[in-house]
Amino acid sequence: MIAELRALAQAVPLPPIEVVDVDADPTLKRRFSLHVPVLLLDGTVVCRHRLDAGELMRLLRQG
């Protein structure tokens, strides 16, 4: 997902990306352990497992 986000960022401006180790945080591990990788935008789940560029772009346009 990170590679896809970097490629997408070459075409469109994206907010800063912060990579977090879900396994290192007990709260995140309980919430997302079966859904890694997960992409959040302002705390909202954008997609799980694979990048959904369309959904990400839709949410960025709304914000």
C-alpha atoms as a PDB file:
ATOM      1  CA  MET A   1       0.000   0.000   0.000  1.00  0.00           C
ATOM      2  CA  ILE A   2       2.866   2.368   0.761  1.00  0.00           C
ATOM      3  CA  ALA A   3       4.329   1.894  -2.718  1.00  0.00           C
ATOM      4  CA  GLU A   4       0.923   2.555  -4.269  1.00  0.00           C
ATOM      5  CA  LEU A   5       0.489   5.702  -2.168  1.00  0.00           C
ATOM      6  CA  ARG A   6       3.914   6.960  -3.211  1.00  0.00           C
ATOM      7  CA  ALA A   7       3.071   6.350  -6.873  1.00  0.00           C
ATOM      8  CA  LEU A   8      -0.273   8.117  -6.470  1.00  0.00           C
ATOM      9  CA  ALA A   9       1.472  11.060  -4.780  1.00  0.00           C
ATOM     10  CA  GLN A  10       3.504  11.552  -7.965  1.00  0.00           C
ATOM     11  CA  ALA A  11       0.253  12.285  -9.824  1.00  0.00           C
ATOM     12  CA  VAL A  12      -1.844  14.103  -7.219  1.00  0.00           C
ATOM     13  CA  PRO A  13      -1.049  15.984  -4.015  1.00  0.00           C
ATOM     14  CA  LEU A  14      -1.658  13.881  -0.905  1.00  0.00           C
ATOM     15  CA  PRO A  15      -1.517  14.870   2.747  1.00  0.00           C
ATOM     16  CA  PRO A  16       1.547  13.696   4.672  1.00  0.00           C
ATOM     17  CA  ILE A  17       1.631   9.941   5.210  1.00  0.00           C
ATOM     18  CA  GLU A  18       2.470   8.542   8.630  1.00  0.00           C
ATOM     19  CA  VAL A  19       3.342   4.859   8.829  1.00  0.00           C
ATOM     20  CA  VAL A  20       2.425   3.290  12.165  1.00  0.00           C
ATOM     21  CA  ASP A  21       3.233  -0.217  13.385  1.00  0.00           C
ATOM     22  CA  VAL A  22      -0.185  -1.529  14.407  1.00  0.00           C
ATOM     23  CA  ASP A  23       1.389  -4.393  16.361  1.00  0.00           C
ATOM     24  CA  ALA A  24       3.323  -1.948  18.546  1.00  0.00           C
ATOM     25  CA  ASP A  25       0.172  -0.278  19.908  1.00  0.00           C
ATOM     26  CA  PRO A  26      -2.268  -2.500  21.861  1.00  0.00           C
ATOM     27  CA  THR A  27      -5.286  -0.327  21.002  1.00  0.00           C
ATOM     28  CA  LEU A  28      -4.509  -0.290  17.285  1.00  0.00           C
ATOM     29  CA  LYS A  29      -3.723  -4.004  17.350  1.00  0.00           C
ATOM     30  CA  ARG A  30      -7.154  -4.786  18.842  1.00  0.00           C
ATOM     31  CA  ARG A  31      -8.871  -2.530  16.309  1.00  0.00           C
ATOM     32  CA  PHE A  32      -6.989  -3.379  13.103  1.00  0.00           C
ATOM     33  CA  SER A  33      -4.903  -6.549  13.528  1.00  0.00           C
ATOM     34  CA  LEU A  34      -6.906  -8.538  10.980  1.00  0.00           C
ATOM     35  CA  HIS A  35      -7.112  -5.623   8.545  1.00  0.00           C
ATOM     36  CA  VAL A  36      -3.478  -4.610   8.028  1.00  0.00           C
ATOM     37  CA  PRO A  37      -2.546  -2.638   6.110  1.00  0.00           C
ATOM     38  CA  VAL A  38      -5.202  -0.063   6.815  1.00  0.00           C
ATOM     39  CA  LEU A  39      -5.334   3.501   5.527  1.00  0.00           C
ATOM     40  CA  LEU A  40      -6.909   6.177   7.719  1.00  0.00           C
ATOM     41  CA  LEU A  41      -7.668   9.763   6.814  1.00  0.00           C
ATOM     42  CA  ASP A  42      -8.371  11.957   9.830  1.00  0.00           C
ATOM     43  CA  GLY A  43      -9.278   8.842  11.825  1.00  0.00           C
ATOM     44  CA  THR A  44     -11.674   7.490   9.189  1.00  0.00           C
ATOM     45  CA  VAL A  45     -10.925   4.165   7.524  1.00  0.00           C
ATOM     46  CA  VAL A  46     -10.350   4.734   3.808  1.00  0.00           C
ATOM     47  CA  CYS A  47      -9.482   1.158   2.893  1.00  0.00           C
ATOM     48  CA  ARG A  48      -8.086  -2.093   4.230  1.00  0.00           C
ATOM     49  CA  HIS A  49      -5.700  -4.635   2.709  1.00  0.00           C
ATOM     50  CA  ARG A  50      -5.322  -2.790  -0.644  1.00  0.00           C
ATOM     51  CA  LEU A  51      -5.308   0.848  -1.671  1.00  0.00           C
ATOM     52  CA  ASP A  52      -8.664   2.082  -2.906  1.00  0.00           C
ATOM     53  CA  ALA A  53      -7.416   5.165  -4.759  1.00  0.00           C
ATOM     54  CA  GLY A  54     -10.930   6.133  -5.842  1.00  0.00           C
ATOM     55  CA  GLU A  55     -12.216   6.184  -2.271  1.00  0.00           C
ATOM     56  CA  LEU A  56      -9.155   8.083  -1.084  1.00  0.00           C
ATOM     57  CA  MET A  57      -9.630  10.728  -3.773  1.00  0.00           C
ATOM     58  CA  ARG A  58     -13.345  11.006  -2.969  1.00  0.00           C
ATOM     59  CA  LEU A  59     -12.619  11.597   0.728  1.00  0.00           C
ATOM     60  CA  LEU A  60      -9.879  14.118  -0.061  1.00  0.00           C
ATOM     61  CA  ARG A  61     -12.291  16.108  -2.264  1.00  0.00           C
ATOM     62  CA  GLN A  62     -14.847  16.183   0.570  1.00  0.00           C
ATOM     63  CA  GLY A  63     -12.341  17.432   3.141  1.00  0.00           C
END
